[in-house]
Amino acid sequence: MAVTEIRPLAIEDSGILADLHRENREFLRPWDPPRSEEFFSHSGQRAAVESALRERDAGRRWPGVVLQSGVIVGQVNLNNILLGPLRSCFLGYWISGRCNGRGIATAAVSQALDVAFRELDLHRVDAFAREDNPASCRVLEKSGFRTVGISRGHIHIDGRWRDDIYFQKLAPWDDGVRLTAC
């Protein structure tokens, strides 16, 4: 049986991610912002990974990769980490088109939530998915996210501003009072 895992992003992942992004260029086009040709190259992905690692080191992001039986098949990120009285972030993820529909995204999101709530001691994780992406909406719903509403004109994709469904999940330790788990 195939095992899904996530792990922190490493600089050594750059080449594999460049290959995966090229392989999934058309598959991800409806959901991603426009990308330069450089983004799909090994040097472009190295620059993207270096940037993500700087954000991690500054405490603003937890970038990870998704592995299926030890092979990278996508990415998962906890972005815009806020501490203090907000203690929140927003979740982003993508899985290679050849691996879709196998529960990999749901398993990766579950593990990312463990990182957010247990390792980072966050209180809330936000996520966004387009109405015309029911698979992503299902992943979030199966992962215990609840719909908060619609974020109008949330992201500029494919030449226009797109609405997103706004989801959120509170930490399992939330009692409405405590700032952190401990």
Protein backbone atom coordinates (compact mmCIF):
# COMPACT_ATOMS: atom_id res chain seq x y z
CA MET A 1 0.00 0.00 0.00
CA ALA A 2 1.30 3.45 -0.93
CA VAL A 3 2.13 5.77 1.96
CA THR A 4 1.57 9.52 1.83
CA GLU A 5 3.89 11.72 3.87
CA ILE A 6 4.85 15.36 4.02
CA ARG A 7 8.22 16.76 4.99
CA PRO A 8 9.87 20.19 5.07
CA LEU A 9 11.03 21.55 1.74
CA ALA A 10 14.78 21.28 1.03
CA ILE A 11 16.97 23.00 -1.55
CA GLU A 12 17.67 19.57 -3.05
CA ASP A 13 13.99 19.36 -4.08
CA SER A 14 14.42 22.13 -6.68
CA GLY A 15 15.12 19.92 -9.69
CA ILE A 16 12.30 17.49 -8.98
CA LEU A 17 9.88 20.38 -8.43
CA ALA A 18 10.92 21.95 -11.75
CA ASP A 19 10.19 18.67 -13.51
CA LEU A 20 6.84 18.31 -11.72
CA HIS A 21 5.80 21.88 -12.53
CA ARG A 22 6.63 21.36 -16.21
CA GLU A 23 4.73 18.06 -16.24
CA ASN A 24 1.70 19.69 -14.58
CA ARG A 25 1.81 23.05 -16.33
CA GLU A 26 -1.54 22.63 -18.12
CA PHE A 27 -3.15 20.72 -15.27
CA LEU A 28 -2.42 23.54 -12.78
CA ARG A 29 -3.01 26.46 -15.17
CA PRO A 30 -6.67 27.04 -14.16
CA TRP A 31 -5.70 27.36 -10.48
CA ASP A 32 -2.29 29.07 -10.57
CA PRO A 33 -1.28 32.65 -11.28
CA PRO A 34 0.60 33.25 -14.54
CA ARG A 35 4.10 31.81 -14.41
CA SER A 36 7.23 32.96 -16.24
CA GLU A 37 9.21 30.46 -18.30
CA GLU A 38 11.95 30.79 -15.69
CA PHE A 39 9.60 29.39 -13.03
CA PHE A 40 9.57 26.01 -14.83
CA SER A 41 13.36 25.75 -15.02
CA HIS A 42 15.70 24.20 -12.48
CA SER A 43 17.20 27.62 -11.69
CA GLY A 44 13.72 29.14 -11.35
CA GLN A 45 12.64 26.46 -8.92
CA ARG A 46 15.90 26.80 -7.01
CA ALA A 47 15.15 30.52 -6.60
CA ALA A 48 11.56 29.72 -5.51
CA VAL A 49 12.78 27.16 -2.97
CA GLU A 50 15.43 29.55 -1.65
CA SER A 51 12.74 32.22 -1.21
CA ALA A 52 10.45 29.77 0.59
CA LEU A 53 13.28 28.74 2.92
CA ARG A 54 14.02 32.39 3.76
CA GLU A 55 10.32 32.84 4.60
CA ARG A 56 10.50 29.70 6.76
CA ASP A 57 13.60 30.98 8.57
CA ALA A 58 11.77 34.27 9.25
CA GLY A 59 8.85 32.32 10.78
CA ARG A 60 6.36 33.41 8.11
CA ARG A 61 5.91 30.11 6.28
CA TRP A 62 6.17 26.35 6.61
CA PRO A 63 6.94 25.01 3.12
CA GLY A 64 6.70 21.29 2.51
CA VAL A 65 6.63 18.61 -0.12
CA VAL A 66 4.14 15.76 -0.47
CA LEU A 67 5.58 12.30 -0.99
CA GLN A 68 3.85 9.17 -2.18
CA SER A 69 5.89 6.07 -1.29
CA GLY A 70 8.95 8.33 -0.94
CA VAL A 71 8.52 10.16 -4.28
CA ILE A 72 7.65 13.88 -4.41
CA VAL A 73 4.22 14.32 -6.02
CA GLY A 74 3.30 17.85 -4.88
CA GLN A 75 3.66 20.58 -2.32
CA VAL A 76 1.89 21.76 0.82
CA ASN A 77 2.49 25.12 2.48
CA LEU A 78 1.38 26.93 5.59
CA ASN A 79 1.60 30.54 4.39
CA ASN A 80 1.44 33.95 6.05
CA ILE A 81 1.95 32.59 9.55
CA LEU A 82 0.77 35.11 12.13
CA LEU A 83 1.45 34.76 15.83
CA GLY A 84 0.33 36.93 18.73
CA PRO A 85 -3.44 37.07 19.25
CA LEU A 86 -4.19 35.75 15.72
CA ARG A 87 -2.05 32.55 15.69
CA SER A 88 -3.15 31.62 12.19
CA CYS A 89 -2.01 30.84 8.65
CA PHE A 90 -3.48 29.85 5.33
CA LEU A 91 -3.02 26.51 3.67
CA GLY A 92 -1.98 25.94 0.08
CA TYR A 93 -1.37 22.65 -1.69
CA TRP A 94 -1.19 20.96 -5.07
CA ILE A 95 -0.79 17.36 -6.17
CA SER A 96 0.41 16.13 -9.56
CA GLY A 97 -2.43 15.40 -11.98
CA ARG A 98 -1.27 11.82 -12.38
CA CYS A 99 -1.88 11.27 -8.65
CA ASN A 100 -5.28 12.95 -8.36
CA GLY A 101 -8.26 11.14 -6.88
CA ARG A 102 -6.25 8.81 -4.65
CA GLY A 103 -6.64 10.56 -1.30
CA ILE A 104 -3.09 11.94 -1.38
CA ALA A 105 -4.18 15.57 -1.01
CA THR A 106 -6.47 14.70 1.91
CA ALA A 107 -3.67 12.82 3.68
CA ALA A 108 -1.21 15.66 3.05
CA VAL A 109 -3.66 18.29 4.35
CA SER A 110 -4.27 16.21 7.48
CA GLN A 111 -0.54 16.05 8.15
CA ALA A 112 -0.12 19.78 7.47
CA LEU A 113 -2.86 20.47 10.03
CA ASP A 114 -0.85 18.45 12.57
CA VAL A 115 2.15 20.69 11.84
CA ALA A 116 0.01 23.83 12.21
CA PHE A 117 -1.78 22.83 15.40
CA ARG A 118 0.81 20.70 17.17
CA GLU A 119 4.25 21.91 16.03
CA LEU A 120 3.51 25.58 15.32
CA ASP A 121 0.81 25.85 18.00
CA LEU A 122 -1.50 27.83 15.72
CA HIS A 123 -5.17 28.36 16.53
CA ARG A 124 -6.70 28.63 13.04
CA VAL A 125 -5.91 27.54 9.50
CA ASP A 126 -7.65 29.27 6.60
CA ALA A 127 -7.94 27.86 3.09
CA PHE A 128 -9.47 28.99 -0.18
CA ALA A 129 -10.82 26.97 -3.10
CA ARG A 130 -12.69 28.01 -6.20
CA GLU A 131 -16.30 26.93 -6.63
CA ASP A 132 -15.32 25.36 -9.94
CA ASN A 133 -12.75 23.15 -8.18
CA PRO A 134 -15.02 20.68 -6.36
CA ALA A 135 -12.16 18.23 -5.77
CA SER A 136 -10.26 20.78 -3.69
CA CYS A 137 -13.44 21.73 -1.84
CA ARG A 138 -13.98 18.04 -0.99
CA VAL A 139 -10.41 17.72 0.32
CA LEU A 140 -10.98 20.62 2.68
CA GLU A 141 -14.40 19.38 3.80
CA LYS A 142 -13.07 15.86 4.45
CA SER A 143 -10.26 17.46 6.47
CA GLY A 144 -12.76 19.13 8.80
CA PHE A 145 -12.72 22.65 7.38
CA ARG A 146 -15.99 24.55 7.49
CA THR A 147 -17.18 27.06 4.94
CA VAL A 148 -17.02 30.64 6.17
CA GLY A 149 -18.26 32.38 3.02
CA ILE A 150 -17.25 33.64 -0.39
CA SER A 151 -14.24 35.88 -0.86
CA ARG A 152 -15.24 38.04 -3.84
CA GLY A 153 -12.48 38.91 -6.30
CA HIS A 154 -9.98 37.06 -4.12
CA ILE A 155 -7.31 36.12 -6.67
CA HIS A 156 -6.31 37.14 -10.19
CA ILE A 157 -6.04 33.97 -12.29
CA ASP A 158 -6.26 33.43 -16.04
CA GLY A 159 -6.80 37.11 -16.82
CA ARG A 160 -9.50 37.98 -14.30
CA TRP A 161 -10.36 38.29 -10.62
CA ARG A 162 -11.83 35.06 -9.26
CA ASP A 163 -14.08 34.38 -6.30
CA ASP A 164 -12.99 31.75 -3.79
CA ILE A 165 -14.85 29.80 -1.15
CA TYR A 166 -13.31 30.70 2.19
CA PHE A 167 -12.79 27.75 4.56
CA GLN A 168 -11.33 27.61 8.04
CA LYS A 169 -10.51 25.07 10.70
CA LEU A 170 -9.86 25.78 14.36
CA ALA A 171 -7.33 23.86 16.43
CA PRO A 172 -8.64 20.69 18.05
CA TRP A 173 -7.58 22.12 21.42
CA ASP A 174 -9.68 25.30 20.95
CA ASP A 175 -11.88 25.94 23.97
CA GLY A 176 -12.70 29.53 23.07
CA VAL A 177 -10.39 30.86 25.78
CA ARG A 178 -6.81 29.60 25.55
CA LEU A 179 -4.32 31.41 23.28
CA THR A 180 -2.23 28.25 22.74
CA ALA A 181 -2.51 24.53 23.33
CA CYS A 182 -0.53 24.68 26.57
